[in-house]
Protein backbone atom coordinates (compact mmCIF):
# COMPACT_ATOMS: atom_id res chain seq x y z
CA MET A 1 10.76 -55.42 -7.11
CA LYS A 2 13.64 -55.09 -9.49
CA LEU A 3 13.24 -54.69 -13.54
CA LYS A 4 15.16 -56.86 -15.44
CA ARG A 5 16.94 -55.12 -17.81
CA ASN A 6 14.48 -56.54 -21.04
CA ASP A 7 11.62 -54.43 -18.98
CA ILE A 8 13.58 -51.11 -18.95
CA ILE A 9 14.27 -51.59 -22.78
CA LEU A 10 10.30 -52.68 -23.32
CA ILE A 11 9.80 -49.67 -21.27
CA ILE A 12 11.85 -46.95 -23.71
CA VAL A 13 9.84 -48.33 -26.70
CA VAL A 14 6.31 -48.07 -25.17
CA LEU A 15 8.16 -44.30 -24.13
CA ILE A 16 9.31 -43.66 -27.62
CA ILE A 17 6.35 -45.07 -29.94
CA GLY A 18 3.98 -42.26 -27.84
CA ILE A 19 6.43 -39.40 -27.94
CA ALA A 20 6.19 -39.73 -31.62
CA ALA A 21 2.84 -40.11 -32.15
CA GLY A 22 2.08 -37.05 -30.13
CA LEU A 23 4.77 -35.48 -32.43
CA TYR A 24 2.65 -36.99 -35.43
CA PHE A 25 -0.63 -35.69 -34.47
CA PHE A 26 0.37 -32.71 -32.88
CA LEU A 27 2.29 -31.63 -36.22
CA ASN A 28 -0.67 -32.79 -38.82
CA LYS A 29 -3.68 -31.19 -37.74
CA LYS A 30 -6.01 -30.61 -40.43
CA THR A 31 -6.36 -27.09 -41.29
CA SER A 32 -8.58 -26.06 -43.61
CA GLY A 33 -9.15 -23.76 -46.14
CA LYS A 34 -13.87 -23.25 -45.68
CA ALA A 35 -16.44 -22.62 -42.64
CA VAL A 36 -20.08 -22.39 -42.32
CA LEU A 37 -21.47 -19.43 -41.02
CA LYS A 38 -25.27 -20.19 -39.50
CA TYR A 39 -26.93 -17.33 -38.83
CA GLY A 40 -30.71 -15.62 -38.10
CA ASN A 41 -33.42 -18.36 -39.41
CA ASN A 42 -31.57 -20.81 -41.05
CA LEU A 43 -29.31 -19.20 -42.56
CA SER A 44 -25.99 -20.57 -43.95
CA MET A 45 -23.15 -18.95 -45.38
CA ASP A 46 -20.08 -20.75 -46.74
CA ILE A 47 -17.28 -18.76 -46.14
CA ASP A 48 -13.50 -19.45 -47.87
CA LEU A 49 -11.23 -18.63 -45.50
CA SER A 50 -7.98 -18.23 -48.07
CA LYS A 51 -8.42 -14.91 -48.37
CA ASP A 52 -7.87 -12.40 -46.02
CA ARG A 53 -11.52 -10.22 -45.14
CA GLU A 54 -13.88 -8.70 -42.42
CA ILE A 55 -18.07 -9.32 -42.43
CA ASP A 56 -20.09 -7.88 -41.06
CA LEU A 57 -24.33 -8.84 -40.67
CA GLU A 58 -26.49 -8.76 -38.68
CA SER A 59 -28.15 -11.47 -37.20
CA ASN A 60 -31.13 -11.96 -34.23
CA GLY A 61 -31.33 -7.72 -34.82
CA ILE A 62 -27.61 -8.26 -33.59
CA LYS A 63 -25.03 -6.75 -35.60
CA ILE A 64 -21.76 -9.48 -35.87
CA HIS A 65 -18.55 -9.06 -37.01
CA LEU A 66 -16.34 -11.23 -38.11
CA ASN A 67 -12.20 -11.48 -39.24
CA ILE A 68 -10.55 -13.58 -41.34
CA LYS A 69 -6.87 -13.82 -40.89
CA ASP A 70 -3.86 -16.29 -41.76
CA GLY A 71 -6.30 -19.09 -42.90
CA ALA A 72 -8.27 -18.98 -39.66
CA ILE A 73 -11.94 -16.89 -38.48
CA ALA A 74 -12.12 -15.20 -35.59
CA PHE A 75 -15.78 -12.97 -33.81
CA ILE A 76 -14.15 -10.51 -33.74
CA HIS A 77 -17.31 -7.78 -32.84
CA SER A 78 -20.22 -8.64 -31.31
CA GLU A 79 -23.38 -5.83 -29.74
CA CYS A 80 -24.91 -9.57 -27.02
CA PRO A 81 -23.93 -8.39 -24.23
CA ASP A 82 -22.14 -10.81 -23.13
CA HIS A 83 -19.50 -11.28 -26.27
CA ILE A 84 -18.25 -14.50 -24.77
CA CYS A 85 -18.14 -15.50 -28.93
CA GLU A 86 -15.58 -12.92 -28.23
CA GLN A 87 -13.38 -14.64 -26.84
CA PHE A 88 -12.74 -18.02 -28.80
CA GLY A 89 -10.40 -16.59 -30.54
CA TYR A 90 -9.30 -17.26 -34.21
CA ILE A 91 -10.63 -21.19 -35.25
CA LYS A 92 -8.85 -22.49 -38.19
CA ASN A 93 -9.09 -26.79 -37.15
CA VAL A 94 -11.54 -28.91 -38.43
CA GLY A 95 -14.17 -29.14 -36.40
CA ASP A 96 -13.27 -25.27 -34.74
CA SER A 97 -16.29 -23.42 -34.10
CA ALA A 98 -17.45 -20.85 -32.30
CA VAL A 99 -20.43 -19.35 -31.16
CA CYS A 100 -22.85 -16.46 -30.90
CA LEU A 101 -26.24 -17.31 -28.56
CA PRO A 102 -28.04 -14.33 -28.35
CA ALA A 103 -26.97 -13.06 -32.64
CA ARG A 104 -27.98 -17.46 -33.04
CA ALA A 105 -25.19 -17.18 -35.04
CA SER A 106 -22.26 -20.06 -34.94
CA VAL A 107 -18.67 -20.75 -37.17
CA THR A 108 -17.78 -23.91 -38.17
CA ILE A 109 -15.03 -25.67 -39.52
CA VAL A 110 -15.35 -28.12 -42.29
CA LYS A 111 -13.41 -30.57 -44.66
């Protein structure tokens, strides 16, 4: 089967539109200035991500250390046995979350 000139033009146009749409969504990922930390027995804390700082607290008998830097937040240290929460790294996009299950603590980026 041989492609005709119009078929080739159509393929090129579709590719260009796809690449443009992908770049648009990649470059316009929404970041937020706020995170919600839920911990302990139904405790909650709104966190402003525009100010660099550190937060130390205890949740479910486990000490956790959070770091806010450059509009992002991360579990830096937890005394939990597995340290999986530390592997999430810094999160900053709306909808991103990190969880420390043994400490019953989670942080979620919100609008």
